[in-house]
mmCIF file of all heavy atoms, coordinates in Angstrom:
data_MODEL
# 
_entry.id   MODEL 
# 
loop_
_atom_site.group_PDB 
_atom_site.id 
_atom_site.type_symbol 
_atom_site.label_atom_id 
_atom_site.label_alt_id 
_atom_site.label_comp_id 
_atom_site.label_asym_id 
_atom_site.label_entity_id 
_atom_site.label_seq_id 
_atom_site.pdbx_PDB_ins_code 
_atom_site.Cartn_x 
_atom_site.Cartn_y 
_atom_site.Cartn_z 
_atom_site.occupancy 
_atom_site.B_iso_or_equiv 
_atom_site.pdbx_formal_charge 
_atom_site.auth_seq_id 
_atom_site.auth_comp_id 
_atom_site.auth_asym_id 
_atom_site.auth_atom_id 
_atom_site.pdbx_PDB_model_num 
ATOM 1   N N   . ALA A 1 1  ? -1.638 17.416 -46.912 1.00 0.00 ? 1  ALA A N   1 
ATOM 2   C CA  . ALA A 1 1  ? -0.808 16.340 -47.273 1.00 0.00 ? 1  ALA A CA  1 
ATOM 3   C C   . ALA A 1 1  ? 0.048  16.602 -48.507 1.00 0.00 ? 1  ALA A C   1 
ATOM 4   O O   . ALA A 1 1  ? 1.207  16.198 -48.590 1.00 0.00 ? 1  ALA A O   1 
ATOM 5   C CB  . ALA A 1 1  ? -1.505 15.102 -47.350 1.00 0.00 ? 1  ALA A CB  1 
ATOM 6   N N   . ALA A 1 2  ? -0.503 17.221 -49.505 1.00 0.00 ? 2  ALA A N   1 
ATOM 7   C CA  . ALA A 1 2  ? 0.152  17.516 -50.681 1.00 0.00 ? 2  ALA A CA  1 
ATOM 8   C C   . ALA A 1 2  ? 1.369  18.453 -50.577 1.00 0.00 ? 2  ALA A C   1 
ATOM 9   O O   . ALA A 1 2  ? 2.339  18.336 -51.348 1.00 0.00 ? 2  ALA A O   1 
ATOM 10  C CB  . ALA A 1 2  ? -0.774 18.174 -51.760 1.00 0.00 ? 2  ALA A CB  1 
ATOM 11  N N   . ALA A 1 3  ? 1.399  19.270 -49.474 1.00 0.00 ? 3  ALA A N   1 
ATOM 12  C CA  . ALA A 1 3  ? 2.505  20.260 -49.378 1.00 0.00 ? 3  ALA A CA  1 
ATOM 13  C C   . ALA A 1 3  ? 3.833  19.523 -49.215 1.00 0.00 ? 3  ALA A C   1 
ATOM 14  O O   . ALA A 1 3  ? 4.933  19.953 -49.645 1.00 0.00 ? 3  ALA A O   1 
ATOM 15  C CB  . ALA A 1 3  ? 2.198  21.099 -48.171 1.00 0.00 ? 3  ALA A CB  1 
ATOM 16  N N   . ARG A 1 4  ? 3.804  18.293 -48.546 1.00 0.00 ? 4  ARG A N   1 
ATOM 17  C CA  . ARG A 1 4  ? 5.121  17.596 -48.296 1.00 0.00 ? 4  ARG A CA  1 
ATOM 18  C C   . ARG A 1 4  ? 5.637  17.060 -49.660 1.00 0.00 ? 4  ARG A C   1 
ATOM 19  O O   . ARG A 1 4  ? 6.837  16.731 -49.713 1.00 0.00 ? 4  ARG A O   1 
ATOM 20  C CB  . ARG A 1 4  ? 4.875  16.544 -47.291 1.00 0.00 ? 4  ARG A CB  1 
ATOM 21  C CG  . ARG A 1 4  ? 4.538  17.045 -45.932 1.00 0.00 ? 4  ARG A CG  1 
ATOM 22  C CD  . ARG A 1 4  ? 4.216  15.930 -44.939 1.00 0.00 ? 4  ARG A CD  1 
ATOM 23  N NE  . ARG A 1 4  ? 3.731  16.618 -43.666 1.00 0.00 ? 4  ARG A NE  1 
ATOM 24  C CZ  . ARG A 1 4  ? 4.411  16.888 -42.581 1.00 0.00 ? 4  ARG A CZ  1 
ATOM 25  N NH1 . ARG A 1 4  ? 5.746  16.518 -42.631 1.00 0.00 ? 4  ARG A NH1 1 
ATOM 26  N NH2 . ARG A 1 4  ? 3.931  17.395 -41.524 1.00 0.00 ? 4  ARG A NH2 1 
ATOM 27  N N   . GLN A 1 5  ? 4.805  16.939 -50.661 1.00 0.00 ? 5  GLN A N   1 
ATOM 28  C CA  . GLN A 1 5  ? 5.363  16.569 -51.996 1.00 0.00 ? 5  GLN A CA  1 
ATOM 29  C C   . GLN A 1 5  ? 5.658  17.768 -52.777 1.00 0.00 ? 5  GLN A C   1 
ATOM 30  O O   . GLN A 1 5  ? 6.665  17.812 -53.506 1.00 0.00 ? 5  GLN A O   1 
ATOM 31  C CB  . GLN A 1 5  ? 4.235  15.754 -52.655 1.00 0.00 ? 5  GLN A CB  1 
ATOM 32  C CG  . GLN A 1 5  ? 3.915  14.393 -51.979 1.00 0.00 ? 5  GLN A CG  1 
ATOM 33  C CD  . GLN A 1 5  ? 5.075  13.496 -51.876 1.00 0.00 ? 5  GLN A CD  1 
ATOM 34  O OE1 . GLN A 1 5  ? 5.880  13.414 -52.817 1.00 0.00 ? 5  GLN A OE1 1 
ATOM 35  N NE2 . GLN A 1 5  ? 5.314  12.904 -50.688 1.00 0.00 ? 5  GLN A NE2 1 
ATOM 36  N N   . VAL A 1 6  ? 4.881  18.826 -52.616 1.00 0.00 ? 6  VAL A N   1 
ATOM 37  C CA  . VAL A 1 6  ? 5.071  20.076 -53.452 1.00 0.00 ? 6  VAL A CA  1 
ATOM 38  C C   . VAL A 1 6  ? 6.483  20.730 -53.163 1.00 0.00 ? 6  VAL A C   1 
ATOM 39  O O   . VAL A 1 6  ? 7.216  21.129 -54.065 1.00 0.00 ? 6  VAL A O   1 
ATOM 40  C CB  . VAL A 1 6  ? 4.001  21.058 -53.194 1.00 0.00 ? 6  VAL A CB  1 
ATOM 41  C CG1 . VAL A 1 6  ? 4.355  22.439 -53.734 1.00 0.00 ? 6  VAL A CG1 1 
ATOM 42  C CG2 . VAL A 1 6  ? 2.732  20.627 -53.791 1.00 0.00 ? 6  VAL A CG2 1 
ATOM 43  N N   . PHE A 1 7  ? 6.811  20.872 -51.841 1.00 0.00 ? 7  PHE A N   1 
ATOM 44  C CA  . PHE A 1 7  ? 8.094  21.480 -51.380 1.00 0.00 ? 7  PHE A CA  1 
ATOM 45  C C   . PHE A 1 7  ? 9.139  20.323 -51.271 1.00 0.00 ? 7  PHE A C   1 
ATOM 46  O O   . PHE A 1 7  ? 8.980  19.536 -50.348 1.00 0.00 ? 7  PHE A O   1 
ATOM 47  C CB  . PHE A 1 7  ? 7.961  22.205 -50.186 1.00 0.00 ? 7  PHE A CB  1 
ATOM 48  C CG  . PHE A 1 7  ? 6.980  23.362 -50.273 1.00 0.00 ? 7  PHE A CG  1 
ATOM 49  C CD1 . PHE A 1 7  ? 5.723  23.280 -49.800 1.00 0.00 ? 7  PHE A CD1 1 
ATOM 50  C CD2 . PHE A 1 7  ? 7.384  24.561 -50.895 1.00 0.00 ? 7  PHE A CD2 1 
ATOM 51  C CE1 . PHE A 1 7  ? 4.839  24.296 -49.962 1.00 0.00 ? 7  PHE A CE1 1 
ATOM 52  C CE2 . PHE A 1 7  ? 6.487  25.639 -51.037 1.00 0.00 ? 7  PHE A CE2 1 
ATOM 53  C CZ  . PHE A 1 7  ? 5.178  25.563 -50.547 1.00 0.00 ? 7  PHE A CZ  1 
ATOM 54  N N   . GLU A 1 8  ? 10.164 20.258 -52.130 1.00 0.00 ? 8  GLU A N   1 
ATOM 55  C CA  . GLU A 1 8  ? 11.090 19.239 -52.048 1.00 0.00 ? 8  GLU A CA  1 
ATOM 56  C C   . GLU A 1 8  ? 11.883 19.274 -50.705 1.00 0.00 ? 8  GLU A C   1 
ATOM 57  O O   . GLU A 1 8  ? 12.116 18.220 -50.156 1.00 0.00 ? 8  GLU A O   1 
ATOM 58  C CB  . GLU A 1 8  ? 12.093 19.286 -53.221 1.00 0.00 ? 8  GLU A CB  1 
ATOM 59  C CG  . GLU A 1 8  ? 13.027 18.129 -53.244 1.00 0.00 ? 8  GLU A CG  1 
ATOM 60  C CD  . GLU A 1 8  ? 13.847 18.018 -54.558 1.00 0.00 ? 8  GLU A CD  1 
ATOM 61  O OE1 . GLU A 1 8  ? 13.287 17.461 -55.523 1.00 0.00 ? 8  GLU A OE1 1 
ATOM 62  O OE2 . GLU A 1 8  ? 14.956 18.595 -54.602 1.00 0.00 ? 8  GLU A OE2 1 
ATOM 63  N N   . ASP A 1 9  ? 12.228 20.446 -50.257 1.00 0.00 ? 9  ASP A N   1 
ATOM 64  C CA  . ASP A 1 9  ? 12.765 20.595 -48.944 1.00 0.00 ? 9  ASP A CA  1 
ATOM 65  C C   . ASP A 1 9  ? 11.729 21.138 -48.063 1.00 0.00 ? 9  ASP A C   1 
ATOM 66  O O   . ASP A 1 9  ? 11.734 22.268 -47.580 1.00 0.00 ? 9  ASP A O   1 
ATOM 67  C CB  . ASP A 1 9  ? 13.950 21.512 -49.028 1.00 0.00 ? 9  ASP A CB  1 
ATOM 68  C CG  . ASP A 1 9  ? 14.811 21.543 -47.727 1.00 0.00 ? 9  ASP A CG  1 
ATOM 69  O OD1 . ASP A 1 9  ? 14.336 20.939 -46.674 1.00 0.00 ? 9  ASP A OD1 1 
ATOM 70  O OD2 . ASP A 1 9  ? 15.938 22.137 -47.745 1.00 0.00 ? 9  ASP A OD2 1 
ATOM 71  N N   . TRP A 1 10 ? 10.811 20.221 -47.645 1.00 0.00 ? 10 TRP A N   1 
ATOM 72  C CA  . TRP A 1 10 ? 9.666  20.648 -46.801 1.00 0.00 ? 10 TRP A CA  1 
ATOM 73  C C   . TRP A 1 10 ? 10.132 21.212 -45.492 1.00 0.00 ? 10 TRP A C   1 
ATOM 74  O O   . TRP A 1 10 ? 9.620  22.202 -44.944 1.00 0.00 ? 10 TRP A O   1 
ATOM 75  C CB  . TRP A 1 10 ? 8.596  19.569 -46.605 1.00 0.00 ? 10 TRP A CB  1 
ATOM 76  C CG  . TRP A 1 10 ? 7.462  20.007 -45.784 1.00 0.00 ? 10 TRP A CG  1 
ATOM 77  C CD1 . TRP A 1 10 ? 6.306  20.451 -46.264 1.00 0.00 ? 10 TRP A CD1 1 
ATOM 78  C CD2 . TRP A 1 10 ? 7.293  19.896 -44.391 1.00 0.00 ? 10 TRP A CD2 1 
ATOM 79  N NE1 . TRP A 1 10 ? 5.427  20.702 -45.215 1.00 0.00 ? 10 TRP A NE1 1 
ATOM 80  C CE2 . TRP A 1 10 ? 6.020  20.366 -44.031 1.00 0.00 ? 10 TRP A CE2 1 
ATOM 81  C CE3 . TRP A 1 10 ? 8.148  19.400 -43.404 1.00 0.00 ? 10 TRP A CE3 1 
ATOM 82  C CZ2 . TRP A 1 10 ? 5.577  20.364 -42.732 1.00 0.00 ? 10 TRP A CZ2 1 
ATOM 83  C CZ3 . TRP A 1 10 ? 7.608  19.463 -42.054 1.00 0.00 ? 10 TRP A CZ3 1 
ATOM 84  C CH2 . TRP A 1 10 ? 6.393  19.904 -41.766 1.00 0.00 ? 10 TRP A CH2 1 
ATOM 85  N N   . PRO A 1 11 ? 11.099 20.557 -44.757 1.00 0.00 ? 11 PRO A N   1 
ATOM 86  C CA  . PRO A 1 11 ? 11.469 21.044 -43.496 1.00 0.00 ? 11 PRO A CA  1 
ATOM 87  C C   . PRO A 1 11 ? 12.041 22.484 -43.526 1.00 0.00 ? 11 PRO A C   1 
ATOM 88  O O   . PRO A 1 11 ? 11.736 23.299 -42.591 1.00 0.00 ? 11 PRO A O   1 
ATOM 89  C CB  . PRO A 1 11 ? 12.617 20.097 -43.112 1.00 0.00 ? 11 PRO A CB  1 
ATOM 90  C CG  . PRO A 1 11 ? 12.270 18.817 -43.729 1.00 0.00 ? 11 PRO A CG  1 
ATOM 91  C CD  . PRO A 1 11 ? 11.808 19.336 -45.073 1.00 0.00 ? 11 PRO A CD  1 
ATOM 92  N N   . ALA A 1 12 ? 12.736 22.934 -44.615 1.00 0.00 ? 12 ALA A N   1 
ATOM 93  C CA  . ALA A 1 12 ? 13.260 24.231 -44.671 1.00 0.00 ? 12 ALA A CA  1 
ATOM 94  C C   . ALA A 1 12 ? 12.097 25.208 -44.883 1.00 0.00 ? 12 ALA A C   1 
ATOM 95  O O   . ALA A 1 12 ? 12.093 26.372 -44.215 1.00 0.00 ? 12 ALA A O   1 
ATOM 96  C CB  . ALA A 1 12 ? 14.271 24.433 -45.823 1.00 0.00 ? 12 ALA A CB  1 
ATOM 97  N N   . MET A 1 13 ? 11.085 24.845 -45.709 1.00 0.00 ? 13 MET A N   1 
ATOM 98  C CA  . MET A 1 13 ? 9.985  25.747 -45.884 1.00 0.00 ? 13 MET A CA  1 
ATOM 99  C C   . MET A 1 13 ? 9.166  25.847 -44.629 1.00 0.00 ? 13 MET A C   1 
ATOM 100 O O   . MET A 1 13 ? 8.702  27.021 -44.242 1.00 0.00 ? 13 MET A O   1 
ATOM 101 C CB  . MET A 1 13 ? 9.042  25.141 -46.968 1.00 0.00 ? 13 MET A CB  1 
ATOM 102 C CG  . MET A 1 13 ? 7.822  25.929 -47.258 1.00 0.00 ? 13 MET A CG  1 
ATOM 103 S SD  . MET A 1 13 ? 8.242  27.589 -48.002 1.00 0.00 ? 13 MET A SD  1 
ATOM 104 C CE  . MET A 1 13 ? 6.619  28.242 -48.191 1.00 0.00 ? 13 MET A CE  1 
ATOM 105 N N   . ALA A 1 14 ? 9.003  24.744 -43.859 1.00 0.00 ? 14 ALA A N   1 
ATOM 106 C CA  . ALA A 1 14 ? 8.291  24.817 -42.519 1.00 0.00 ? 14 ALA A CA  1 
ATOM 107 C C   . ALA A 1 14 ? 9.020  25.751 -41.617 1.00 0.00 ? 14 ALA A C   1 
ATOM 108 O O   . ALA A 1 14 ? 8.422  26.653 -40.912 1.00 0.00 ? 14 ALA A O   1 
ATOM 109 C CB  . ALA A 1 14 ? 8.197  23.464 -41.958 1.00 0.00 ? 14 ALA A CB  1 
ATOM 110 N N   . ARG A 1 15 ? 10.391 25.641 -41.457 1.00 0.00 ? 15 ARG A N   1 
ATOM 111 C CA  . ARG A 1 15 ? 11.092 26.519 -40.621 1.00 0.00 ? 15 ARG A CA  1 
ATOM 112 C C   . ARG A 1 15 ? 10.964 27.944 -40.991 1.00 0.00 ? 15 ARG A C   1 
ATOM 113 O O   . ARG A 1 15 ? 10.790 28.784 -40.101 1.00 0.00 ? 15 ARG A O   1 
ATOM 114 C CB  . ARG A 1 15 ? 12.545 26.047 -40.608 1.00 0.00 ? 15 ARG A CB  1 
ATOM 115 C CG  . ARG A 1 15 ? 12.911 24.760 -39.896 1.00 0.00 ? 15 ARG A CG  1 
ATOM 116 C CD  . ARG A 1 15 ? 14.361 24.623 -39.682 1.00 0.00 ? 15 ARG A CD  1 
ATOM 117 N NE  . ARG A 1 15 ? 15.151 24.612 -40.930 1.00 0.00 ? 15 ARG A NE  1 
ATOM 118 C CZ  . ARG A 1 15 ? 15.436 23.584 -41.708 1.00 0.00 ? 15 ARG A CZ  1 
ATOM 119 N NH1 . ARG A 1 15 ? 14.980 22.376 -41.286 1.00 0.00 ? 15 ARG A NH1 1 
ATOM 120 N NH2 . ARG A 1 15 ? 16.118 23.634 -42.767 1.00 0.00 ? 15 ARG A NH2 1 
ATOM 121 N N   . ASP A 1 16 ? 11.041 28.269 -42.306 1.00 0.00 ? 16 ASP A N   1 
ATOM 122 C CA  . ASP A 1 16 ? 10.956 29.653 -42.733 1.00 0.00 ? 16 ASP A CA  1 
ATOM 123 C C   . ASP A 1 16 ? 9.575  30.243 -42.362 1.00 0.00 ? 16 ASP A C   1 
ATOM 124 O O   . ASP A 1 16 ? 9.482  31.376 -42.017 1.00 0.00 ? 16 ASP A O   1 
ATOM 125 C CB  . ASP A 1 16 ? 11.175 29.769 -44.190 1.00 0.00 ? 16 ASP A CB  1 
ATOM 126 C CG  . ASP A 1 16 ? 12.677 29.617 -44.555 1.00 0.00 ? 16 ASP A CG  1 
ATOM 127 O OD1 . ASP A 1 16 ? 13.550 29.690 -43.619 1.00 0.00 ? 16 ASP A OD1 1 
ATOM 128 O OD2 . ASP A 1 16 ? 13.000 29.448 -45.732 1.00 0.00 ? 16 ASP A OD2 1 
ATOM 129 N N   . CYS A 1 17 ? 8.480  29.463 -42.590 1.00 0.00 ? 17 CYS A N   1 
ATOM 130 C CA  . CYS A 1 17 ? 7.167  29.932 -42.254 1.00 0.00 ? 17 CYS A CA  1 
ATOM 131 C C   . CYS A 1 17 ? 6.913  30.266 -40.849 1.00 0.00 ? 17 CYS A C   1 
ATOM 132 O O   . CYS A 1 17 ? 6.486  31.344 -40.492 1.00 0.00 ? 17 CYS A O   1 
ATOM 133 C CB  . CYS A 1 17 ? 6.095  28.847 -42.667 1.00 0.00 ? 17 CYS A CB  1 
ATOM 134 S SG  . CYS A 1 17 ? 5.865  28.709 -44.436 1.00 0.00 ? 17 CYS A SG  1 
ATOM 135 N N   . VAL A 1 18 ? 7.361  29.454 -39.884 1.00 0.00 ? 18 VAL A N   1 
ATOM 136 C CA  . VAL A 1 18 ? 7.194  29.652 -38.496 1.00 0.00 ? 18 VAL A CA  1 
ATOM 137 C C   . VAL A 1 18 ? 8.145  30.845 -38.010 1.00 0.00 ? 18 VAL A C   1 
ATOM 138 O O   . VAL A 1 18 ? 7.737  31.673 -37.169 1.00 0.00 ? 18 VAL A O   1 
ATOM 139 C CB  . VAL A 1 18 ? 7.456  28.386 -37.596 1.00 0.00 ? 18 VAL A CB  1 
ATOM 140 C CG1 . VAL A 1 18 ? 7.302  28.706 -36.131 1.00 0.00 ? 18 VAL A CG1 1 
ATOM 141 C CG2 . VAL A 1 18 ? 6.650  27.245 -38.120 1.00 0.00 ? 18 VAL A CG2 1 
ATOM 142 N N   . ALA A 1 19 ? 9.346  30.931 -38.506 1.00 0.00 ? 19 ALA A N   1 
ATOM 143 C CA  . ALA A 1 19 ? 10.217 31.971 -38.229 1.00 0.00 ? 19 ALA A CA  1 
ATOM 144 C C   . ALA A 1 19 ? 9.670  33.356 -38.645 1.00 0.00 ? 19 ALA A C   1 
ATOM 145 O O   . ALA A 1 19 ? 9.747  34.339 -37.902 1.00 0.00 ? 19 ALA A O   1 
ATOM 146 C CB  . ALA A 1 19 ? 11.524 31.877 -38.839 1.00 0.00 ? 19 ALA A CB  1 
ATOM 147 N N   . HIS A 1 20 ? 8.944  33.298 -39.849 1.00 0.00 ? 20 HIS A N   1 
ATOM 148 C CA  . HIS A 1 20 ? 8.295  34.581 -40.227 1.00 0.00 ? 20 HIS A CA  1 
ATOM 149 C C   . HIS A 1 20 ? 7.071  34.999 -39.197 1.00 0.00 ? 20 HIS A C   1 
ATOM 150 O O   . HIS A 1 20 ? 6.950  36.140 -38.800 1.00 0.00 ? 20 HIS A O   1 
ATOM 151 C CB  . HIS A 1 20 ? 7.649  34.383 -41.572 1.00 0.00 ? 20 HIS A CB  1 
ATOM 152 C CG  . HIS A 1 20 ? 6.693  35.389 -41.998 1.00 0.00 ? 20 HIS A CG  1 
ATOM 153 N ND1 . HIS A 1 20 ? 7.026  36.781 -42.338 1.00 0.00 ? 20 HIS A ND1 1 
ATOM 154 C CD2 . HIS A 1 20 ? 5.305  35.480 -42.056 1.00 0.00 ? 20 HIS A CD2 1 
ATOM 155 C CE1 . HIS A 1 20 ? 6.000  37.495 -42.538 1.00 0.00 ? 20 HIS A CE1 1 
ATOM 156 N NE2 . HIS A 1 20 ? 4.885  36.778 -42.394 1.00 0.00 ? 20 HIS A NE2 1 
ATOM 157 N N   . LEU A 1 21 ? 6.296  33.959 -38.825 1.00 0.00 ? 21 LEU A N   1 
ATOM 158 C CA  . LEU A 1 21 ? 5.160  34.222 -37.945 1.00 0.00 ? 21 LEU A CA  1 
ATOM 159 C C   . LEU A 1 21 ? 5.780  34.782 -36.592 1.00 0.00 ? 21 LEU A C   1 
ATOM 160 O O   . LEU A 1 21 ? 5.146  35.693 -35.955 1.00 0.00 ? 21 LEU A O   1 
ATOM 161 C CB  . LEU A 1 21 ? 4.361  32.963 -37.718 1.00 0.00 ? 21 LEU A CB  1 
ATOM 162 C CG  . LEU A 1 21 ? 3.182  32.756 -38.598 1.00 0.00 ? 21 LEU A CG  1 
ATOM 163 C CD1 . LEU A 1 21 ? 2.316  31.560 -38.048 1.00 0.00 ? 21 LEU A CD1 1 
ATOM 164 C CD2 . LEU A 1 21 ? 2.349  34.003 -38.829 1.00 0.00 ? 21 LEU A CD2 1 
ATOM 165 N N   . ARG A 1 22 ? 6.805  34.293 -36.117 1.00 0.00 ? 22 ARG A N   1 
ATOM 166 C CA  . ARG A 1 22 ? 7.408  34.643 -34.883 1.00 0.00 ? 22 ARG A CA  1 
ATOM 167 C C   . ARG A 1 22 ? 7.865  36.146 -34.958 1.00 0.00 ? 22 ARG A C   1 
ATOM 168 O O   . ARG A 1 22 ? 7.783  36.940 -34.023 1.00 0.00 ? 22 ARG A O   1 
ATOM 169 C CB  . ARG A 1 22 ? 8.611  33.888 -34.519 1.00 0.00 ? 22 ARG A CB  1 
ATOM 170 C CG  . ARG A 1 22 ? 8.358  32.666 -33.606 1.00 0.00 ? 22 ARG A CG  1 
ATOM 171 C CD  . ARG A 1 22 ? 7.829  33.123 -32.200 1.00 0.00 ? 22 ARG A CD  1 
ATOM 172 N NE  . ARG A 1 22 ? 7.671  32.038 -31.250 1.00 0.00 ? 22 ARG A NE  1 
ATOM 173 C CZ  . ARG A 1 22 ? 7.122  32.107 -30.118 1.00 0.00 ? 22 ARG A CZ  1 
ATOM 174 N NH1 . ARG A 1 22 ? 6.562  33.336 -29.703 1.00 0.00 ? 22 ARG A NH1 1 
ATOM 175 N NH2 . ARG A 1 22 ? 6.876  31.077 -29.244 1.00 0.00 ? 22 ARG A NH2 1 
ATOM 176 N N   . THR A 1 23 ? 8.381  36.530 -36.128 1.00 0.00 ? 23 THR A N   1 
ATOM 177 C CA  . THR A 1 23 ? 8.775  37.914 -36.405 1.00 0.00 ? 23 THR A CA  1 
ATOM 178 C C   . THR A 1 23 ? 7.563  38.844 -36.317 1.00 0.00 ? 23 THR A C   1 
ATOM 179 O O   . THR A 1 23 ? 7.637  39.852 -35.720 1.00 0.00 ? 23 THR A O   1 
ATOM 180 C CB  . THR A 1 23 ? 9.448  38.037 -37.747 1.00 0.00 ? 23 THR A CB  1 
ATOM 181 O OG1 . THR A 1 23 ? 10.588 37.110 -37.767 1.00 0.00 ? 23 THR A OG1 1 
ATOM 182 C CG2 . THR A 1 23 ? 9.962  39.391 -37.982 1.00 0.00 ? 23 THR A CG2 1 
ATOM 183 N N   . VAL A 1 24 ? 6.378  38.379 -36.906 1.00 0.00 ? 24 VAL A N   1 
ATOM 184 C CA  . VAL A 1 24 ? 5.244  39.154 -36.835 1.00 0.00 ? 24 VAL A CA  1 
ATOM 185 C C   . VAL A 1 24 ? 4.758  39.332 -35.458 1.00 0.00 ? 24 VAL A C   1 
ATOM 186 O O   . VAL A 1 24 ? 4.380  40.360 -34.980 1.00 0.00 ? 24 VAL A O   1 
ATOM 187 C CB  . VAL A 1 24 ? 4.130  38.534 -37.730 1.00 0.00 ? 24 VAL A CB  1 
ATOM 188 C CG1 . VAL A 1 24 ? 2.775  39.322 -37.606 1.00 0.00 ? 24 VAL A CG1 1 
ATOM 189 C CG2 . VAL A 1 24 ? 4.509  38.561 -39.207 1.00 0.00 ? 24 VAL A CG2 1 
ATOM 190 N N   . HIS A 1 25 ? 4.824  38.202 -34.676 1.00 0.00 ? 25 HIS A N   1 
ATOM 191 C CA  . HIS A 1 25 ? 4.358  38.225 -33.283 1.00 0.00 ? 25 HIS A CA  1 
ATOM 192 C C   . HIS A 1 25 ? 5.198  39.128 -32.395 1.00 0.00 ? 25 HIS A C   1 
ATOM 193 O O   . HIS A 1 25 ? 4.703  39.782 -31.515 1.00 0.00 ? 25 HIS A O   1 
ATOM 194 C CB  . HIS A 1 25 ? 4.513  36.781 -32.740 1.00 0.00 ? 25 HIS A CB  1 
ATOM 195 C CG  . HIS A 1 25 ? 4.024  36.584 -31.325 1.00 0.00 ? 25 HIS A CG  1 
ATOM 196 N ND1 . HIS A 1 25 ? 4.855  36.606 -30.246 1.00 0.00 ? 25 HIS A ND1 1 
ATOM 197 C CD2 . HIS A 1 25 ? 2.797  36.400 -30.859 1.00 0.00 ? 25 HIS A CD2 1 
ATOM 198 C CE1 . HIS A 1 25 ? 4.242  36.531 -29.157 1.00 0.00 ? 25 HIS A CE1 1 
ATOM 199 N NE2 . HIS A 1 25 ? 2.976  36.304 -29.477 1.00 0.00 ? 25 HIS A NE2 1 
ATOM 200 N N   . GLY A 1 26 ? 6.507  39.259 -32.640 1.00 0.00 ? 26 GLY A N   1 
ATOM 201 C CA  . GLY A 1 26 ? 7.373  40.065 -31.876 1.00 0.00 ? 26 GLY A CA  1 
ATOM 202 C C   . GLY A 1 26 ? 7.024  41.534 -32.079 1.00 0.00 ? 26 GLY A C   1 
ATOM 203 O O   . GLY A 1 26 ? 7.007  42.286 -31.156 1.00 0.00 ? 26 GLY A O   1 
ATOM 204 N N   . ALA A 1 27 ? 6.714  41.983 -33.326 1.00 0.00 ? 27 ALA A N   1 
ATOM 205 C CA  . ALA A 1 27 ? 6.375  43.309 -33.678 1.00 0.00 ? 27 ALA A CA  1 
ATOM 206 C C   . ALA A 1 27 ? 4.995  43.627 -33.189 1.00 0.00 ? 27 ALA A C   1 
ATOM 207 O O   . ALA A 1 27 ? 4.835  44.883 -32.797 1.00 0.00 ? 27 ALA A O   1 
ATOM 208 C CB  . ALA A 1 27 ? 6.534  43.491 -35.161 1.00 0.00 ? 27 ALA A CB  1 
ATOM 209 N N   . ASP A 1 28 ? 4.120  42.736 -33.229 1.00 0.00 ? 28 ASP A N   1 
ATOM 210 C CA  . ASP A 1 28 ? 2.710  43.048 -32.902 1.00 0.00 ? 28 ASP A CA  1 
ATOM 211 C C   . ASP A 1 28 ? 1.976  41.812 -32.399 1.00 0.00 ? 28 ASP A C   1 
ATOM 212 O O   . ASP A 1 28 ? 1.363  41.150 -33.160 1.00 0.00 ? 28 ASP A O   1 
ATOM 213 C CB  . ASP A 1 28 ? 1.981  43.713 -34.070 1.00 0.00 ? 28 ASP A CB  1 
ATOM 214 C CG  . ASP A 1 28 ? 0.551  44.063 -33.724 1.00 0.00 ? 28 ASP A CG  1 
ATOM 215 O OD1 . ASP A 1 28 ? 0.143  44.100 -32.541 1.00 0.00 ? 28 ASP A OD1 1 
ATOM 216 O OD2 . ASP A 1 28 ? -0.116 44.540 -34.686 1.00 0.00 ? 28 ASP A OD2 1 
ATOM 217 N N   . PRO A 1 29 ? 2.056  41.552 -31.047 1.00 0.00 ? 29 PRO A N   1 
ATOM 218 C CA  . PRO A 1 29 ? 1.553  40.279 -30.518 1.00 0.00 ? 29 PRO A CA  1 
ATOM 219 C C   . PRO A 1 29 ? 0.083  40.198 -30.741 1.00 0.00 ? 29 PRO A C   1 
ATOM 220 O O   . PRO A 1 29 ? -0.532 39.081 -30.799 1.00 0.00 ? 29 PRO A O   1 
ATOM 221 C CB  . PRO A 1 29 ? 1.863  40.371 -29.058 1.00 0.00 ? 29 PRO A CB  1 
ATOM 222 C CG  . PRO A 1 29 ? 3.040  41.214 -28.996 1.00 0.00 ? 29 PRO A CG  1 
ATOM 223 C CD  . PRO A 1 29 ? 2.851  42.267 -30.094 1.00 0.00 ? 29 PRO A CD  1 
# 
């Protein structure tokens, strides 16, 4: 719950995190 306060632009941080995981998944599922 604290993360939504810690990151002022939480949606942008969330998108970046998932996009990174998708990149890892593509290289090595």
